[in-house]
PDB file of N, CA and C in Angstrom:
ATOM      1  N   MET A   1      -1.097  23.040  22.856  1.00  0.00           N
ATOM      2  CA  MET A   1      -2.252  22.193  22.603  1.00  0.00           C
ATOM      3  C   MET A   1      -1.855  20.731  22.850  1.00  0.00           C
ATOM      4  N   THR A   2      -2.671  20.006  23.569  1.00  0.00           N
ATOM      5  CA  THR A   2      -2.416  18.589  23.819  1.00  0.00           C
ATOM      6  C   THR A   2      -3.105  17.753  22.752  1.00  0.00           C
ATOM      7  N   SER A   3      -2.421  16.701  22.336  1.00  0.00           N
ATOM      8  CA  SER A   3      -3.038  15.811  21.350  1.00  0.00           C
ATOM      9  C   SER A   3      -3.792  14.705  22.076  1.00  0.00           C
ATOM     10  N   ILE A   4      -4.750  14.126  21.399  1.00  0.00           N
ATOM     11  CA  ILE A   4      -5.530  13.036  21.958  1.00  0.00           C
ATOM     12  C   ILE A   4      -4.733  11.753  21.787  1.00  0.00           C
ATOM     13  N   LEU A   5      -4.518  11.045  22.881  1.00  0.00           N
ATOM     14  CA  LEU A   5      -3.769   9.803  22.832  1.00  0.00           C
ATOM     15  C   LEU A   5      -4.616   8.693  22.220  1.00  0.00           C
ATOM     16  N   PRO A   6      -3.998   7.794  21.435  1.00  0.00           N
ATOM     17  CA  PRO A   6      -4.751   6.682  20.862  1.00  0.00           C
ATOM     18  C   PRO A   6      -5.203   5.730  21.961  1.00  0.00           C
ATOM     19  N   HIS A   7      -6.429   5.219  21.841  1.00  0.00           N
ATOM     20  CA  HIS A   7      -6.913   4.251  22.820  1.00  0.00           C
ATOM     21  C   HIS A   7      -6.520   2.847  22.367  1.00  0.00           C
ATOM     22  N   GLY A   8      -6.244   1.979  23.294  1.00  0.00           N
ATOM     23  CA  GLY A   8      -5.951   0.594  22.951  1.00  0.00           C
ATOM     24  C   GLY A   8      -4.492   0.287  22.710  1.00  0.00           C
ATOM     25  N   GLY A   9      -3.601   1.235  22.875  1.00  0.00           N
ATOM     26  CA  GLY A   9      -2.186   0.938  22.662  1.00  0.00           C
ATOM     27  C   GLY A   9      -1.481   2.056  21.937  1.00  0.00           C
ATOM     28  N   THR A  10      -0.366   1.725  21.327  1.00  0.00           N
ATOM     29  CA  THR A  10       0.462   2.697  20.620  1.00  0.00           C
ATOM     30  C   THR A  10       0.159   2.633  19.123  1.00  0.00           C
ATOM     31  N   LEU A  11      -0.104   3.775  18.513  1.00  0.00           N
ATOM     32  CA  LEU A  11      -0.350   3.827  17.079  1.00  0.00           C
ATOM     33  C   LEU A  11       0.942   3.470  16.351  1.00  0.00           C
ATOM     34  N   VAL A  12       0.850   2.570  15.391  1.00  0.00           N
ATOM     35  CA  VAL A  12       2.025   2.072  14.679  1.00  0.00           C
ATOM     36  C   VAL A  12       2.120   2.750  13.315  1.00  0.00           C
ATOM     37  N   GLN A  13       3.277   3.339  13.015  1.00  0.00           N
ATOM     38  CA  GLN A  13       3.512   3.973  11.718  1.00  0.00           C
ATOM     39  C   GLN A  13       3.695   2.874  10.669  1.00  0.00           C
ATOM     40  N   ARG A  14       2.867   2.863   9.639  1.00  0.00           N
ATOM     41  CA  ARG A  14       2.914   1.817   8.629  1.00  0.00           C
ATOM     42  C   ARG A  14       3.446   2.305   7.283  1.00  0.00           C
ATOM     43  N   ILE A  15       3.973   3.523   7.239  1.00  0.00           N
ATOM     44  CA  ILE A  15       4.498   4.066   5.988  1.00  0.00           C
ATOM     45  C   ILE A  15       5.996   3.788   5.919  1.00  0.00           C
ATOM     46  N   VAL A  16       6.423   3.146   4.856  1.00  0.00           N
ATOM     47  CA  VAL A  16       7.831   2.819   4.665  1.00  0.00           C
ATOM     48  C   VAL A  16       8.413   3.853   3.706  1.00  0.00           C
ATOM     49  N   GLN A  17       9.609   4.340   4.021  1.00  0.00           N
ATOM     50  CA  GLN A  17      10.224   5.376   3.194  1.00  0.00           C
ATOM     51  C   GLN A  17      11.661   5.011   2.857  1.00  0.00           C
ATOM     52  N   GLY A  18      12.210   5.753   1.921  1.00  0.00           N
ATOM     53  CA  GLY A  18      13.628   5.638   1.595  1.00  0.00           C
ATOM     54  C   GLY A  18      14.007   4.332   0.920  1.00  0.00           C
ATOM     55  N   GLU A  19      15.196   3.859   1.242  1.00  0.00           N
ATOM     56  CA  GLU A  19      15.734   2.655   0.607  1.00  0.00           C
ATOM     57  C   GLU A  19      14.887   1.424   0.900  1.00  0.00           C
ATOM     58  N   GLU A  20      14.340   1.351   2.118  1.00  0.00           N
ATOM     59  CA  GLU A  20      13.494   0.205   2.463  1.00  0.00           C
ATOM     60  C   GLU A  20      12.266   0.160   1.554  1.00  0.00           C
ATOM     61  N   ARG A  21      11.673   1.324   1.278  1.00  0.00           N
ATOM     62  CA  ARG A  21      10.517   1.402   0.376  1.00  0.00           C
ATOM     63  C   ARG A  21      10.887   0.916  -1.018  1.00  0.00           C
ATOM     64  N   GLU A  22      12.017   1.398  -1.510  1.00  0.00           N
ATOM     65  CA  GLU A  22      12.452   1.016  -2.852  1.00  0.00           C
ATOM     66  C   GLU A  22      12.700  -0.490  -2.943  1.00  0.00           C
ATOM     67  N   GLN A  23      13.312  -1.062  -1.907  1.00  0.00           N
ATOM     68  CA  GLN A  23      13.572  -2.499  -1.893  1.00  0.00           C
ATOM     69  C   GLN A  23      12.265  -3.290  -1.859  1.00  0.00           C
ATOM     70  N   LEU A  24      11.310  -2.843  -1.057  1.00  0.00           N
ATOM     71  CA  LEU A  24      10.023  -3.533  -0.980  1.00  0.00           C
ATOM     72  C   LEU A  24       9.267  -3.453  -2.310  1.00  0.00           C
ATOM     73  N   LEU A  25       9.334  -2.310  -2.962  1.00  0.00           N
ATOM     74  CA  LEU A  25       8.700  -2.183  -4.278  1.00  0.00           C
ATOM     75  C   LEU A  25       9.333  -3.136  -5.288  1.00  0.00           C
ATOM     76  N   GLN A  26      10.654  -3.227  -5.253  1.00  0.00           N
ATOM     77  CA  GLN A  26      11.358  -4.137  -6.149  1.00  0.00           C
ATOM     78  C   GLN A  26      10.983  -5.588  -5.846  1.00  0.00           C
ATOM     79  N   ASP A  27      10.966  -5.950  -4.562  1.00  0.00           N
ATOM     80  CA  ASP A  27      10.605  -7.309  -4.154  1.00  0.00           C
ATOM     81  C   ASP A  27       9.168  -7.649  -4.551  1.00  0.00           C
ATOM     82  N   SER A  28       8.295  -6.655  -4.518  1.00  0.00           N
ATOM     83  CA  SER A  28       6.881  -6.909  -4.815  1.00  0.00           C
ATOM     84  C   SER A  28       6.651  -7.300  -6.277  1.00  0.00           C
ATOM     85  N   MET A  29       7.599  -6.999  -7.144  1.00  0.00           N
ATOM     86  CA  MET A  29       7.449  -7.353  -8.559  1.00  0.00           C
ATOM     87  C   MET A  29       7.431  -8.870  -8.759  1.00  0.00           C
ATOM     88  N   ASN A  30       7.944  -9.629  -7.777  1.00  0.00           N
ATOM     89  CA  ASN A  30       8.001 -11.084  -7.880  1.00  0.00           C
ATOM     90  C   ASN A  30       6.848 -11.788  -7.163  1.00  0.00           C
ATOM     91  N   LEU A  31       5.936 -11.029  -6.573  1.00  0.00           N
ATOM     92  CA  LEU A  31       4.819 -11.628  -5.855  1.00  0.00           C
ATOM     93  C   LEU A  31       3.697 -12.033  -6.811  1.00  0.00           C
ATOM     94  N   SER A  32       2.965 -13.044  -6.426  1.00  0.00           N
ATOM     95  CA  SER A  32       1.806 -13.470  -7.214  1.00  0.00           C
ATOM     96  C   SER A  32       0.660 -12.496  -6.991  1.00  0.00           C
ATOM     97  N   SER A  33      -0.231 -12.425  -7.950  1.00  0.00           N
ATOM     98  CA  SER A  33      -1.422 -11.602  -7.780  1.00  0.00           C
ATOM     99  C   SER A  33      -2.580 -12.494  -7.341  1.00  0.00           C
ATOM    100  N   MET A  34      -3.621 -11.879  -6.798  1.00  0.00           N
ATOM    101  CA  MET A  34      -4.803 -12.633  -6.412  1.00  0.00           C
ATOM    102  C   MET A  34      -6.037 -11.771  -6.583  1.00  0.00           C
ATOM    103  N   ARG A  35      -7.143 -12.427  -6.742  1.00  0.00           N
ATOM    104  CA  ARG A  35      -8.415 -11.718  -6.850  1.00  0.00           C
ATOM    105  C   ARG A  35      -9.018 -11.558  -5.468  1.00  0.00           C
ATOM    106  N   ILE A  36      -9.590 -10.390  -5.215  1.00  0.00           N
ATOM    107  CA  ILE A  36     -10.269 -10.163  -3.946  1.00  0.00           C
ATOM    108  C   ILE A  36     -11.681  -9.673  -4.225  1.00  0.00           C
ATOM    109  N   ASN A  37     -12.567  -9.933  -3.284  1.00  0.00           N
ATOM    110  CA  ASN A  37     -13.963  -9.545  -3.480  1.00  0.00           C
ATOM    111  C   ASN A  37     -14.217  -8.126  -2.976  1.00  0.00           C
ATOM    112  N   THR A  38     -15.403  -7.642  -3.205  1.00  0.00           N
ATOM    113  CA  THR A  38     -15.734  -6.264  -2.833  1.00  0.00           C
ATOM    114  C   THR A  38     -15.697  -6.055  -1.319  1.00  0.00           C
ATOM    115  N   TRP A  39     -16.002  -7.081  -0.539  1.00  0.00           N
ATOM    116  CA  TRP A  39     -15.942  -6.972   0.923  1.00  0.00           C
ATOM    117  C   TRP A  39     -14.505  -6.682   1.356  1.00  0.00           C
ATOM    118  N   THR A  40     -13.553  -7.396   0.782  1.00  0.00           N
ATOM    119  CA  THR A  40     -12.143  -7.197   1.116  1.00  0.00           C
ATOM    120  C   THR A  40     -11.674  -5.815   0.668  1.00  0.00           C
ATOM    121  N   ILE A  41     -12.108  -5.387  -0.498  1.00  0.00           N
ATOM    122  CA  ILE A  41     -11.759  -4.048  -0.981  1.00  0.00           C
ATOM    123  C   ILE A  41     -12.268  -2.996  -0.004  1.00  0.00           C
ATOM    124  N   SER A  42     -13.484  -3.181   0.491  1.00  0.00           N
ATOM    125  CA  SER A  42     -14.047  -2.253   1.468  1.00  0.00           C
ATOM    126  C   SER A  42     -13.220  -2.231   2.748  1.00  0.00           C
ATOM    127  N   ASP A  43     -12.829  -3.411   3.239  1.00  0.00           N
ATOM    128  CA  ASP A  43     -11.989  -3.485   4.439  1.00  0.00           C
ATOM    129  C   ASP A  43     -10.673  -2.749   4.236  1.00  0.00           C
ATOM    130  N   LEU A  44     -10.035  -2.962   3.090  1.00  0.00           N
ATOM    131  CA  LEU A  44      -8.756  -2.304   2.801  1.00  0.00           C
ATOM    132  C   LEU A  44      -8.927  -0.789   2.714  1.00  0.00           C
ATOM    133  N   ASP A  45     -10.039  -0.354   2.149  1.00  0.00           N
ATOM    134  CA  ASP A  45     -10.322   1.078   2.056  1.00  0.00           C
ATOM    135  C   ASP A  45     -10.471   1.676   3.454  1.00  0.00           C
ATOM    136  N   LEU A  46     -11.185   0.992   4.344  1.00  0.00           N
ATOM    137  CA  LEU A  46     -11.362   1.493   5.711  1.00  0.00           C
ATOM    138  C   LEU A  46     -10.036   1.586   6.448  1.00  0.00           C
ATOM    139  N   ILE A  47      -9.173   0.617   6.253  1.00  0.00           N
ATOM    140  CA  ILE A  47      -7.847   0.682   6.864  1.00  0.00           C
ATOM    141  C   ILE A  47      -7.057   1.844   6.272  1.00  0.00           C
ATOM    142  N   GLY A  48      -7.141   2.007   4.953  1.00  0.00           N
ATOM    143  CA  GLY A  48      -6.387   3.054   4.265  1.00  0.00           C
ATOM    144  C   GLY A  48      -6.770   4.461   4.677  1.00  0.00           C
ATOM    145  N   VAL A  49      -8.041   4.692   4.966  1.00  0.00           N
ATOM    146  CA  VAL A  49      -8.477   6.039   5.340  1.00  0.00           C
ATOM    147  C   VAL A  49      -8.448   6.270   6.842  1.00  0.00           C
ATOM    148  N   GLY A  50      -7.999   5.259   7.582  1.00  0.00           N
ATOM    149  CA  GLY A  50      -7.830   5.441   9.014  1.00  0.00           C
ATOM    150  C   GLY A  50      -9.032   5.087   9.865  1.00  0.00           C
ATOM    151  N   HIS A  51     -10.064   4.534   9.279  1.00  0.00           N
ATOM    152  CA  HIS A  51     -11.241   4.135  10.077  1.00  0.00           C
ATOM    153  C   HIS A  51     -10.881   2.967  10.982  1.00  0.00           C
ATOM    154  N   SER A  52     -10.110   2.040  10.472  1.00  0.00           N
ATOM    155  CA  SER A  52      -9.628   0.904  11.266  1.00  0.00           C
ATOM    156  C   SER A  52      -8.146   1.144  11.519  1.00  0.00           C
ATOM    157  N   HIS A  53      -7.747   1.063  12.783  1.00  0.00           N
ATOM    158  CA  HIS A  53      -6.372   1.354  13.159  1.00  0.00           C
ATOM    159  C   HIS A  53      -5.647   0.107  13.598  1.00  0.00           C
ATOM    160  N   HIS A  54      -4.348   0.101  13.396  1.00  0.00           N
ATOM    161  CA  HIS A  54      -3.482  -0.979  13.873  1.00  0.00           C
ATOM    162  C   HIS A  54      -2.757  -0.461  15.108  1.00  0.00           C
ATOM    163  N   PHE A  55      -3.011  -1.102  16.229  1.00  0.00           N
ATOM    164  CA  PHE A  55      -2.354  -0.704  17.463  1.00  0.00           C
ATOM    165  C   PHE A  55      -1.449  -1.812  17.942  1.00  0.00           C
ATOM    166  N   ARG A  56      -0.368  -1.427  18.541  1.00  0.00           N
ATOM    167  CA  ARG A  56       0.533  -2.366  19.185  1.00  0.00           C
ATOM    168  C   ARG A  56       0.271  -2.258  20.678  1.00  0.00           C
ATOM    169  N   ASP A  57       0.132  -3.393  21.349  1.00  0.00           N
ATOM    170  CA  ASP A  57      -0.100  -3.378  22.795  1.00  0.00           C
ATOM    171  C   ASP A  57       1.030  -2.661  23.497  1.00  0.00           C
ATOM    172  N   SER A  58       0.684  -1.873  24.503  1.00  0.00           N
ATOM    173  CA  SER A  58       1.702  -1.134  25.263  1.00  0.00           C
ATOM    174  C   SER A  58       2.376  -2.026  26.267  1.00  0.00           C
TER     175      SER A  58
END
């Protein structure tokens, strides 16, 4: 079976695993928090479920 190639470039893996993940989680404890509106929450949700994709130019 052939898979469908992503249009617009190369699909970028955005999931961090292993030691790098643990380090990023630790580093994130020192970041400031901010308030976001419902529009931004909606945008983040669309990115999270794959409706909006991040492509790297080929």
